[in-house]
């Protein structure tokens, strides 16, 4: 029988404050104004989870987390905190880290397919309105119905071009397809490509099981997703992380109430997920957060103010660390009051007053007890991290990436035969067999709807594809959550 992991020590007020591993998949929140200590708190939690063998995913949006593979000791503030808390047996440690990067520059490349992302999330990335999103969904549906698989941006552009060119053909079965909407989709696909989307969509697609690893000593691997460059496209960043959550929900089995999580997922800059998000998407996010707990995944949102999150999501976050908030305006004061009211009151603590007085690295903390009820809020100092606070040098990072067991797998792109290439080859065959006799014979042969579609698709795709090579398209995941289909 597996041993029960020890409680995770995260702070000290009048006494030590712990987070119970078996309650860690009830999700959490790390909030506070810029410069109040959120990133260090995130690191401390990640270290504690890693120690008990729980893998972690975290986005590094400022480059502050890369020092985790090396033991600390160089930072005077950490030394001061150790002394202040009287930590006699404190030691510096390193943690196993795998680096990831959409652009493949500071970590293993991260890719998915157009199909796995699905039309709803792609609409979010492409900033489509409701009508345009509906047309994009039809593009996916027509591709599915006719076995034309989708993988990368070139494939989707070719499919959109084909649907637009044959809109009348699809009108009876699928409804009106606006030429203006097709044009908007095509323009925004080009914009996405300029932002690096051509690197994000392709193969080999990310296998999320590669996140869920431990090292030889039993520590959970910390997956650090380098996001400083991706943050220049905040909508793409937020949607990518949401896609990951949905994929985890799709792929992982039900585990009930485990003694510790299977994975902890830190969602930094969480407000970006909800900025201007349509109601349908917010409802899906709330659904994912609510259901993914049963898969053993704990989601911890990191943001400046808890009010950045919808109430339906905030209400599911049982473990909370609230750093200082500023109250310069009446609106700020109202937000501080609302944040203080989200905690279970402590009769010996004025939470409203404390939130504006907290020092850097100090927080109001409330976790779930063994019955799943929030503990009364306490004012506490967050424990210091054990790993190195200073970022890695480029040489150190490069060496760690090359030494990874995954090195070489995601670095090499795969160009298998795909529908893209098949359409191109079919177009060339049709051009070569253009004699009148061949044309007459073909004209008299009965054609199935799929064959007619493919013939039309060849002309349209040939126009859209040109001479570029294609890749395999996989219509896939996000099924029960975002309306896509499972990977085939």
Protein backbone atom coordinates (compact mmCIF):
# COMPACT_ATOMS: atom_id res chain seq x y z
CA UNK A 1 0.00 0.00 0.00
CA UNK A 2 1.32 3.44 -0.96
CA UNK A 3 2.46 5.63 1.90
CA UNK A 4 0.56 8.81 2.60
CA UNK A 5 2.71 11.82 1.62
CA UNK A 6 3.54 14.31 4.34
CA UNK A 7 1.75 17.70 4.44
CA UNK A 8 3.48 20.39 2.41
CA UNK A 9 4.94 23.21 4.50
CA UNK A 10 4.23 26.49 2.70
CA UNK A 11 4.24 29.24 5.33
CA UNK A 12 4.46 30.22 8.96
CA UNK A 13 2.19 32.51 10.94
CA UNK A 14 1.56 31.81 14.59
CA UNK A 15 2.29 28.24 13.60
CA UNK A 16 3.26 26.28 10.52
CA UNK A 17 0.79 26.29 7.63
CA UNK A 18 0.48 23.17 5.52
CA UNK A 19 -1.18 22.17 2.28
CA UNK A 20 -2.53 18.61 2.37
CA UNK A 21 -1.51 16.60 -0.73
CA UNK A 22 -4.85 14.76 -0.87
CA UNK A 23 -6.59 18.14 -1.08
CA UNK A 24 -4.19 19.65 -3.59
CA UNK A 25 -6.30 18.65 -6.60
CA UNK A 26 -9.10 20.85 -5.23
CA UNK A 27 -7.27 23.64 -7.06
CA UNK A 28 -5.80 26.88 -5.79
CA UNK A 29 -5.11 30.57 -6.23
CA UNK A 30 -1.98 32.70 -5.89
CA UNK A 31 -2.88 36.38 -6.09
CA UNK A 32 -1.27 39.73 -5.39
CA UNK A 33 -0.05 42.95 -6.93
CA UNK A 34 3.12 43.04 -9.03
CA UNK A 35 6.26 42.61 -6.92
CA UNK A 36 4.57 41.15 -3.85
CA UNK A 37 6.03 37.64 -4.10
CA UNK A 38 3.66 35.59 -6.30
CA UNK A 39 6.43 34.05 -8.41
CA UNK A 40 8.43 32.92 -5.37
CA UNK A 41 5.28 31.41 -3.86
CA UNK A 42 4.64 29.55 -7.11
CA UNK A 43 8.22 28.23 -6.97
CA UNK A 44 7.89 27.13 -3.33
CA UNK A 45 4.71 25.20 -4.08
CA UNK A 46 6.29 23.61 -7.16
CA UNK A 47 9.30 22.48 -5.12
CA UNK A 48 7.09 20.98 -2.43
CA UNK A 49 5.01 19.06 -4.96
CA UNK A 50 8.13 17.83 -6.75
CA UNK A 51 9.54 16.50 -3.46
CA UNK A 52 6.57 14.17 -3.01
CA UNK A 53 6.76 12.91 -6.60
CA UNK A 54 4.11 15.09 -8.24
CA UNK A 55 4.97 16.38 -11.74
CA UNK A 56 4.35 20.08 -12.37
CA UNK A 57 3.62 22.25 -15.37
CA UNK A 58 4.32 25.97 -15.09
CA UNK A 59 4.65 28.77 -17.62
CA UNK A 60 7.67 31.02 -17.12
CA UNK A 61 6.41 34.34 -18.45
CA UNK A 62 9.29 36.49 -17.16
CA UNK A 63 12.24 34.09 -17.15
CA UNK A 64 12.28 33.91 -13.35
CA UNK A 65 11.85 30.16 -12.88
CA UNK A 66 14.69 28.63 -14.86
CA UNK A 67 17.03 28.28 -11.83
CA UNK A 68 15.07 25.31 -10.44
CA UNK A 69 17.61 22.71 -11.70
CA UNK A 70 20.28 24.12 -9.37
CA UNK A 71 20.41 24.41 -5.56
CA UNK A 72 20.10 27.92 -4.13
CA UNK A 73 22.25 29.65 -1.57
CA UNK A 74 23.31 32.76 -3.38
CA UNK A 75 20.40 35.02 -2.47
CA UNK A 76 20.68 37.11 0.73
CA UNK A 77 16.89 37.47 0.99
CA UNK A 78 16.53 33.71 1.18
CA UNK A 79 19.22 33.54 3.86
CA UNK A 80 17.40 36.27 5.78
CA UNK A 81 14.05 34.43 5.52
CA UNK A 82 15.62 31.17 6.70
CA UNK A 83 17.04 32.96 9.73
CA UNK A 84 13.82 34.84 10.47
CA UNK A 85 11.77 31.64 10.45
CA UNK A 86 14.36 29.77 12.51
CA UNK A 87 14.71 26.94 9.99
CA UNK A 88 17.54 24.93 11.56
CA UNK A 89 17.45 22.00 9.11
CA UNK A 90 16.92 24.05 5.94
CA UNK A 91 19.01 22.84 2.98
CA UNK A 92 19.34 23.96 -0.62
CA UNK A 93 18.15 21.55 -3.32
CA UNK A 94 17.81 21.20 -7.05
CA UNK A 95 14.82 19.79 -8.92
CA UNK A 96 14.42 17.88 -12.20
CA UNK A 97 13.31 20.25 -14.96
CA UNK A 98 12.28 19.83 -18.58
CA UNK A 99 12.19 23.01 -20.64
CA UNK A 100 9.58 23.61 -23.36
CA UNK A 101 9.17 26.41 -25.88
CA UNK A 102 6.67 26.86 -28.72
CA UNK A 103 9.45 28.40 -30.80
CA UNK A 104 11.99 25.69 -29.95
CA UNK A 105 14.56 28.28 -28.88
CA UNK A 106 14.72 27.81 -25.10
CA UNK A 107 13.25 24.34 -24.74
CA UNK A 108 11.85 21.36 -26.60
CA UNK A 109 9.43 22.48 -29.32
CA UNK A 110 5.75 22.27 -28.43
CA UNK A 111 3.36 21.43 -31.25
CA UNK A 112 -0.22 20.39 -31.68
CA UNK A 113 -2.43 19.88 -34.70
CA UNK A 114 -5.16 22.09 -36.07
CA UNK A 115 -7.57 19.25 -35.39
CA UNK A 116 -6.55 18.82 -31.77
CA UNK A 117 -6.97 22.54 -31.12
CA UNK A 118 -10.49 22.43 -32.58
CA UNK A 119 -12.69 25.20 -34.02
CA UNK A 120 -13.78 26.82 -30.75
CA UNK A 121 -10.27 27.46 -29.46
CA UNK A 122 -9.01 28.41 -32.91
CA UNK A 123 -11.81 30.96 -33.15
CA UNK A 124 -10.52 32.41 -29.89
CA UNK A 125 -6.95 32.59 -31.19
CA UNK A 126 -8.08 34.07 -34.52
CA UNK A 127 -10.33 36.63 -32.80
CA UNK A 128 -13.35 35.59 -34.88
CA UNK A 129 -16.84 36.84 -34.20
CA UNK A 130 -19.80 34.49 -33.73
CA UNK A 131 -20.67 34.25 -37.42
CA UNK A 132 -17.06 33.71 -38.49
CA UNK A 133 -16.62 31.10 -35.76
CA UNK A 134 -19.67 29.28 -37.09
CA UNK A 135 -18.16 29.17 -40.57
CA UNK A 136 -14.88 27.84 -39.19
CA UNK A 137 -16.83 25.08 -37.45
CA UNK A 138 -18.41 24.20 -40.82
CA UNK A 139 -14.95 24.02 -42.38
CA UNK A 140 -13.98 21.43 -39.77
CA UNK A 141 -17.28 19.57 -40.25
CA UNK A 142 -16.91 19.38 -44.02
CA UNK A 143 -13.32 18.19 -43.64
CA UNK A 144 -14.45 15.48 -41.23
CA UNK A 145 -17.37 14.34 -43.35
CA UNK A 146 -15.13 13.85 -46.36
CA UNK A 147 -12.02 12.39 -44.77
CA UNK A 148 -9.90 15.47 -45.43
CA UNK A 149 -7.72 15.57 -42.35
CA UNK A 150 -6.29 18.80 -40.89
CA UNK A 151 -2.86 19.30 -39.36
CA UNK A 152 -1.16 22.65 -39.89
CA UNK A 153 -2.00 26.17 -41.03
CA UNK A 154 -1.45 25.39 -44.71
CA UNK A 155 -3.98 22.59 -44.48
CA UNK A 156 -6.58 24.82 -42.86
CA UNK A 157 -6.00 27.60 -45.39
CA UNK A 158 -6.43 25.12 -48.24
CA UNK A 159 -9.61 23.72 -46.69
CA UNK A 160 -11.05 27.19 -46.08
CA UNK A 161 -10.24 28.13 -49.67
CA UNK A 162 -11.99 25.02 -50.95
CA UNK A 163 -15.09 25.57 -48.83
CA UNK A 164 -15.28 29.18 -49.95
CA UNK A 165 -14.90 28.24 -53.63
CA UNK A 166 -17.65 25.61 -53.33
CA UNK A 167 -20.01 27.40 -50.95
CA UNK A 168 -23.04 26.84 -53.17
CA UNK A 169 -22.36 23.10 -53.25
CA UNK A 170 -22.52 22.92 -49.45
CA UNK A 171 -25.44 25.31 -48.95
CA UNK A 172 -28.20 22.68 -48.80
CA UNK A 173 -26.43 20.37 -46.36
CA UNK A 174 -24.51 22.82 -44.19
CA UNK A 175 -26.20 26.20 -44.62
CA UNK A 176 -24.92 29.52 -45.92
CA UNK A 177 -21.18 30.05 -45.97
CA UNK A 178 -20.24 33.71 -46.08
CA UNK A 179 -17.45 34.70 -48.43
CA UNK A 180 -16.64 37.55 -46.05
CA UNK A 181 -16.22 35.09 -43.17
CA UNK A 182 -13.94 32.87 -45.24
CA UNK A 183 -11.90 35.97 -46.08
CA UNK A 184 -11.66 36.93 -42.39
CA UNK A 185 -10.52 33.42 -41.48
CA UNK A 186 -7.85 33.47 -44.18
CA UNK A 187 -6.55 36.90 -43.17
CA UNK A 188 -6.35 35.96 -39.51
CA UNK A 189 -4.60 32.70 -40.33
CA UNK A 190 -1.91 34.71 -42.08
CA UNK A 191 -1.59 36.94 -39.01
CA UNK A 192 -1.33 33.89 -36.76
CA UNK A 193 1.42 32.50 -38.97
CA UNK A 194 3.35 35.75 -38.61
CA UNK A 195 3.08 35.36 -34.82
CA UNK A 196 4.69 31.91 -34.96
CA UNK A 197 1.62 29.75 -35.45
CA UNK A 198 3.34 27.89 -38.26
CA UNK A 199 5.78 26.54 -35.64
CA UNK A 200 3.06 25.67 -33.17
CA UNK A 201 0.95 23.54 -35.53
CA UNK A 202 2.59 20.40 -36.88
CA UNK A 203 4.16 17.08 -35.93
CA UNK A 204 5.35 15.45 -33.78
CA UNK A 205 2.48 16.69 -31.64
CA UNK A 206 3.04 17.04 -27.92
CA UNK A 207 2.41 13.87 -25.92
CA UNK A 208 1.16 15.12 -22.55
CA UNK A 209 2.37 11.91 -20.91
CA UNK A 210 5.85 13.37 -21.33
CA UNK A 211 4.85 15.95 -18.70
CA UNK A 212 3.97 13.33 -16.12
CA UNK A 213 7.38 11.97 -15.21
CA UNK A 214 9.54 11.53 -12.12
CA UNK A 215 13.33 11.32 -11.90
CA UNK A 216 15.38 8.42 -10.51
CA UNK A 217 15.12 9.82 -6.97
CA UNK A 218 11.33 9.98 -7.17
CA UNK A 219 10.98 13.76 -7.50
CA UNK A 220 8.30 15.01 -9.85
CA UNK A 221 9.64 16.63 -13.01
CA UNK A 222 8.97 20.37 -13.25
CA UNK A 223 7.95 21.20 -16.81
CA UNK A 224 8.90 24.83 -17.40
CA UNK A 225 7.17 26.31 -20.43
CA UNK A 226 9.20 29.30 -21.60
CA UNK A 227 6.58 31.90 -22.47
CA UNK A 228 8.30 35.29 -22.49
CA UNK A 229 8.17 35.48 -26.29
CA UNK A 230 4.75 33.85 -26.59
CA UNK A 231 3.36 36.44 -24.16
CA UNK A 232 3.69 38.98 -26.95
CA UNK A 233 0.59 37.19 -28.30
CA UNK A 234 -1.39 36.90 -25.04
CA UNK A 235 -4.48 35.36 -26.63
CA UNK A 236 -2.38 32.57 -28.14
CA UNK A 237 -0.63 32.02 -24.80
CA UNK A 238 -3.87 31.74 -22.83
CA UNK A 239 -5.58 29.53 -25.40
CA UNK A 240 -2.59 27.22 -25.59
CA UNK A 241 -2.68 26.61 -21.83
CA UNK A 242 -6.43 26.07 -21.96
CA UNK A 243 -5.94 23.54 -24.75
CA UNK A 244 -3.47 21.69 -22.52
CA UNK A 245 -5.99 21.51 -19.70
CA UNK A 246 -8.66 20.16 -22.03
CA UNK A 247 -6.22 17.58 -23.41
CA UNK A 248 -5.36 16.42 -19.90
CA UNK A 249 -9.03 16.02 -19.14
CA UNK A 250 -9.55 14.02 -22.34
CA UNK A 251 -6.58 11.72 -21.90
CA UNK A 252 -6.34 10.96 -18.19
CA UNK A 253 -8.46 8.28 -16.49
CA UNK A 254 -10.72 8.89 -13.51
CA UNK A 255 -8.80 8.39 -10.25
CA UNK A 256 -11.31 9.33 -7.57
CA UNK A 257 -9.61 10.85 -4.52
CA UNK A 258 -5.88 10.11 -4.76
CA UNK A 259 -3.48 10.61 -1.86
CA UNK A 260 -1.65 13.16 -3.99
CA UNK A 261 -2.28 14.74 -7.42
CA UNK A 262 -1.12 13.18 -10.67
CA UNK A 263 -0.12 16.63 -11.92
CA UNK A 264 -0.17 20.22 -10.71
CA UNK A 265 -0.86 22.82 -13.40
CA UNK A 266 0.05 26.46 -12.66
CA UNK A 267 -1.79 28.93 -14.89
CA UNK A 268 0.18 32.19 -14.67
CA UNK A 269 -1.31 35.48 -15.92
CA UNK A 270 -4.68 33.77 -15.57
CA UNK A 271 -6.64 36.94 -16.27
CA UNK A 272 -5.67 36.59 -19.95
CA UNK A 273 -7.81 33.49 -20.14
CA UNK A 274 -10.96 35.45 -19.39
CA UNK A 275 -10.26 38.83 -21.02
CA UNK A 276 -12.99 39.36 -23.63
CA UNK A 277 -13.79 35.64 -23.60
CA UNK A 278 -17.27 34.82 -24.93
CA UNK A 279 -19.77 33.36 -22.49
CA UNK A 280 -19.66 29.93 -24.16
CA UNK A 281 -15.89 29.70 -23.66
CA UNK A 282 -16.07 30.81 -20.02
CA UNK A 283 -18.65 28.09 -19.41
CA UNK A 284 -16.33 25.51 -20.96
CA UNK A 285 -13.42 26.69 -18.81
CA UNK A 286 -15.55 26.40 -15.70
CA UNK A 287 -16.52 22.88 -16.80
CA UNK A 288 -12.91 21.83 -17.37
CA UNK A 289 -11.80 23.15 -13.96
CA UNK A 290 -14.68 21.42 -12.21
CA UNK A 291 -14.24 18.05 -13.90
CA UNK A 292 -10.46 17.77 -14.18
CA UNK A 293 -10.18 17.37 -10.41
CA UNK A 294 -11.46 13.81 -10.79
CA UNK A 295 -8.49 13.09 -13.07
CA UNK A 296 -6.06 13.95 -10.28
CA UNK A 297 -5.02 17.31 -11.76
CA UNK A 298 -4.80 20.37 -9.53
CA UNK A 299 -5.05 23.75 -11.27
CA UNK A 300 -3.53 26.79 -9.57
CA UNK A 301 -4.36 30.16 -11.05
CA UNK A 302 -1.79 32.95 -10.63
CA UNK A 303 -3.10 36.48 -11.10
CA UNK A 304 -2.99 39.97 -9.63
CA UNK A 305 -6.48 40.06 -8.18
CA UNK A 306 -8.84 37.17 -7.41
CA UNK A 307 -11.60 39.20 -9.03
CA UNK A 308 -9.82 38.64 -12.35
CA UNK A 309 -11.50 35.23 -12.33
CA UNK A 310 -15.22 34.54 -12.78
CA UNK A 311 -17.08 33.59 -9.59
CA UNK A 312 -17.86 30.15 -11.04
CA UNK A 313 -14.13 29.45 -11.29
CA UNK A 314 -13.04 31.29 -8.13
CA UNK A 315 -15.50 29.27 -6.08
CA UNK A 316 -13.66 26.06 -6.99
CA UNK A 317 -10.26 27.23 -5.73
CA UNK A 318 -9.95 25.82 -2.22
CA UNK A 319 -6.26 26.54 -1.47
CA UNK A 320 -5.45 30.25 -1.51
CA UNK A 321 -2.38 32.43 -1.04
CA UNK A 322 -3.21 36.13 -1.17
CA UNK A 323 -0.29 38.56 -1.33
CA UNK A 324 -0.63 42.32 -0.92
CA UNK A 325 -3.05 44.42 -2.97
CA UNK A 326 -2.90 48.17 -3.46
CA UNK A 327 -5.83 50.45 -2.65
CA UNK A 328 -5.16 53.83 -4.22
CA UNK A 329 -8.62 54.47 -5.67
CA UNK A 330 -12.21 53.75 -4.59
CA UNK A 331 -12.29 50.91 -7.12
CA UNK A 332 -9.08 49.46 -5.65
CA UNK A 333 -10.59 49.66 -2.16
CA UNK A 334 -13.70 47.84 -3.32
CA UNK A 335 -11.55 45.11 -4.90
CA UNK A 336 -9.51 44.71 -1.71
CA UNK A 337 -12.70 44.37 0.33
CA UNK A 338 -14.04 41.74 -2.08
CA UNK A 339 -10.74 39.82 -1.97
CA UNK A 340 -10.76 39.81 1.84
CA UNK A 341 -14.31 38.46 1.86
CA UNK A 342 -13.35 35.40 -0.18
CA UNK A 343 -11.58 33.93 2.89
CA UNK A 344 -13.07 32.15 5.87
CA UNK A 345 -12.89 34.90 8.51
CA UNK A 346 -10.42 34.83 11.38
CA UNK A 347 -11.85 36.69 14.40
CA UNK A 348 -8.33 37.61 15.48
CA UNK A 349 -7.36 39.10 12.09
CA UNK A 350 -8.62 42.09 10.15
CA UNK A 351 -8.18 40.65 6.67
CA UNK A 352 -9.24 43.84 4.89
CA UNK A 353 -6.57 45.87 6.70
CA UNK A 354 -3.94 43.13 6.41
CA UNK A 355 -4.13 42.79 2.61
CA UNK A 356 -2.84 46.33 2.10
CA UNK A 357 -0.13 45.97 4.78
CA UNK A 358 1.47 42.68 3.75
CA UNK A 359 5.21 42.84 3.11
CA UNK A 360 6.89 41.19 0.14
CA UNK A 361 6.78 37.43 0.67
CA UNK A 362 4.01 37.73 3.24
CA UNK A 363 0.48 36.54 2.52
CA UNK A 364 -2.95 35.64 3.79
CA UNK A 365 -3.20 31.86 3.49
CA UNK A 366 -6.11 29.48 3.72
CA UNK A 367 -5.97 25.80 2.71
CA UNK A 368 -8.41 22.92 2.85
CA UNK A 369 -8.47 20.68 5.92
CA UNK A 370 -8.75 16.90 5.71
CA UNK A 371 -12.53 17.18 5.39
CA UNK A 372 -12.32 19.60 2.48
CA UNK A 373 -13.33 22.71 4.43
CA UNK A 374 -11.31 25.94 4.20
CA UNK A 375 -9.21 26.74 7.24
CA UNK A 376 -9.54 30.18 8.81
CA UNK A 377 -7.29 32.68 7.07
CA UNK A 378 -3.89 33.35 8.63
CA UNK A 379 -1.28 36.02 8.03
CA UNK A 380 2.00 34.27 7.31
CA UNK A 381 5.46 34.46 5.83
CA UNK A 382 5.86 32.18 2.82
CA UNK A 383 8.67 29.68 3.26
CA UNK A 384 11.83 30.34 1.21
CA UNK A 385 12.63 28.35 -1.92
CA UNK A 386 15.39 25.72 -1.92
CA UNK A 387 16.47 26.19 -5.55
CA UNK A 388 18.46 28.92 -7.23
CA UNK A 389 16.56 32.17 -7.74
CA UNK A 390 18.81 33.61 -10.44
CA UNK A 391 17.95 32.53 -14.01
CA UNK A 392 20.07 30.10 -15.99
CA UNK A 393 22.68 31.36 -18.38
CA UNK A 394 22.05 30.47 -22.06
CA UNK A 395 24.89 27.93 -21.84
CA UNK A 396 23.41 26.25 -18.75
CA UNK A 397 19.97 26.04 -20.34
CA UNK A 398 21.34 24.66 -23.60
CA UNK A 399 23.27 21.97 -21.74
CA UNK A 400 20.20 20.91 -19.76
CA UNK A 401 18.09 20.69 -22.91
CA UNK A 402 20.69 18.55 -24.69
CA UNK A 403 20.92 16.24 -21.66
CA UNK A 404 17.15 15.70 -21.56
CA UNK A 405 15.86 12.21 -22.39
CA UNK A 406 13.44 13.90 -24.82
CA UNK A 407 16.16 15.68 -26.76
CA UNK A 408 15.94 14.83 -30.45
CA UNK A 409 12.34 13.65 -30.42
CA UNK A 410 10.51 16.97 -30.66
CA UNK A 411 13.39 18.77 -32.34
CA UNK A 412 12.84 16.88 -35.61
CA UNK A 413 9.70 17.71 -37.55
CA UNK A 414 7.83 14.88 -39.27
CA UNK A 415 6.43 15.16 -42.80
CA UNK A 416 4.41 12.03 -43.38
CA UNK A 417 2.19 11.61 -46.42
CA UNK A 418 -0.94 13.60 -45.80
CA UNK A 419 -4.17 14.73 -47.36
CA UNK A 420 -2.35 17.91 -48.32
CA UNK A 421 0.16 15.95 -50.38
CA UNK A 422 -2.54 13.64 -51.74
CA UNK A 423 -4.56 16.58 -53.02
CA UNK A 424 -1.48 18.03 -54.63
CA UNK A 425 -0.59 14.70 -56.24
CA UNK A 426 -4.16 14.23 -57.48
CA UNK A 427 -4.07 17.70 -59.05
CA UNK A 428 -0.89 16.80 -60.93
CA UNK A 429 -2.42 13.53 -62.15
CA UNK A 430 -5.49 15.34 -63.42
CA UNK A 431 -3.32 17.78 -65.31
CA UNK A 432 -1.29 14.99 -66.89
CA UNK A 433 -4.41 13.07 -67.94
CA UNK A 434 -6.14 15.95 -69.65
CA UNK A 435 -6.72 14.26 -73.05
CA UNK A 436 -10.25 14.51 -74.44
CA UNK A 437 -10.84 10.74 -74.28
CA UNK A 438 -9.83 10.63 -70.62
CA UNK A 439 -12.01 13.61 -69.87
CA UNK A 440 -15.02 12.05 -71.64
CA UNK A 441 -14.53 8.72 -69.85
CA UNK A 442 -14.31 10.39 -66.53
CA UNK A 443 -17.37 12.50 -67.31
CA UNK A 444 -19.50 9.39 -67.90
CA UNK A 445 -18.36 7.57 -64.78
CA UNK A 446 -20.68 7.85 -61.77
CA UNK A 447 -19.08 9.64 -58.90
CA UNK A 448 -19.85 9.44 -55.24
CA UNK A 449 -20.33 12.66 -53.32
CA UNK A 450 -16.93 12.13 -51.68
CA UNK A 451 -15.26 11.67 -55.08
CA UNK A 452 -16.96 14.77 -56.42
CA UNK A 453 -15.81 16.64 -53.36
CA UNK A 454 -12.26 15.39 -53.75
CA UNK A 455 -12.21 16.39 -57.40
CA UNK A 456 -13.36 19.88 -56.54
CA UNK A 457 -10.99 19.96 -53.61
CA UNK A 458 -8.07 19.17 -55.89
CA UNK A 459 -8.69 22.27 -57.95
CA UNK A 460 -9.25 24.44 -54.93
CA UNK A 461 -6.36 22.99 -52.96
CA UNK A 462 -4.02 23.21 -55.93
CA UNK A 463 -4.83 26.88 -56.11
CA UNK A 464 -4.31 27.41 -52.37
CA UNK A 465 -1.39 25.04 -51.82
CA UNK A 466 0.84 25.81 -54.75
CA UNK A 467 4.09 23.88 -54.63
CA UNK A 468 4.58 23.70 -50.85
CA UNK A 469 4.87 20.35 -49.12
CA UNK A 470 2.16 19.25 -46.71
CA UNK A 471 2.05 17.34 -43.48
CA UNK A 472 -0.34 14.80 -42.02
CA UNK A 473 -3.56 16.22 -40.65
CA UNK A 474 -5.10 14.62 -37.60
CA UNK A 475 -8.68 15.44 -36.68
CA UNK A 476 -8.59 15.00 -32.97
CA UNK A 477 -8.91 15.61 -29.31
CA UNK A 478 -10.89 18.22 -27.32
CA UNK A 479 -13.98 16.19 -28.17
CA UNK A 480 -16.33 16.17 -25.21
CA UNK A 481 -15.13 19.55 -24.00
CA UNK A 482 -14.66 21.70 -27.10
CA UNK A 483 -16.66 19.87 -29.73
CA UNK A 484 -13.79 18.30 -31.66
CA UNK A 485 -13.22 14.63 -32.36
CA UNK A 486 -10.77 12.21 -30.81
CA UNK A 487 -7.39 11.64 -32.43
CA UNK A 488 -7.50 8.81 -34.93
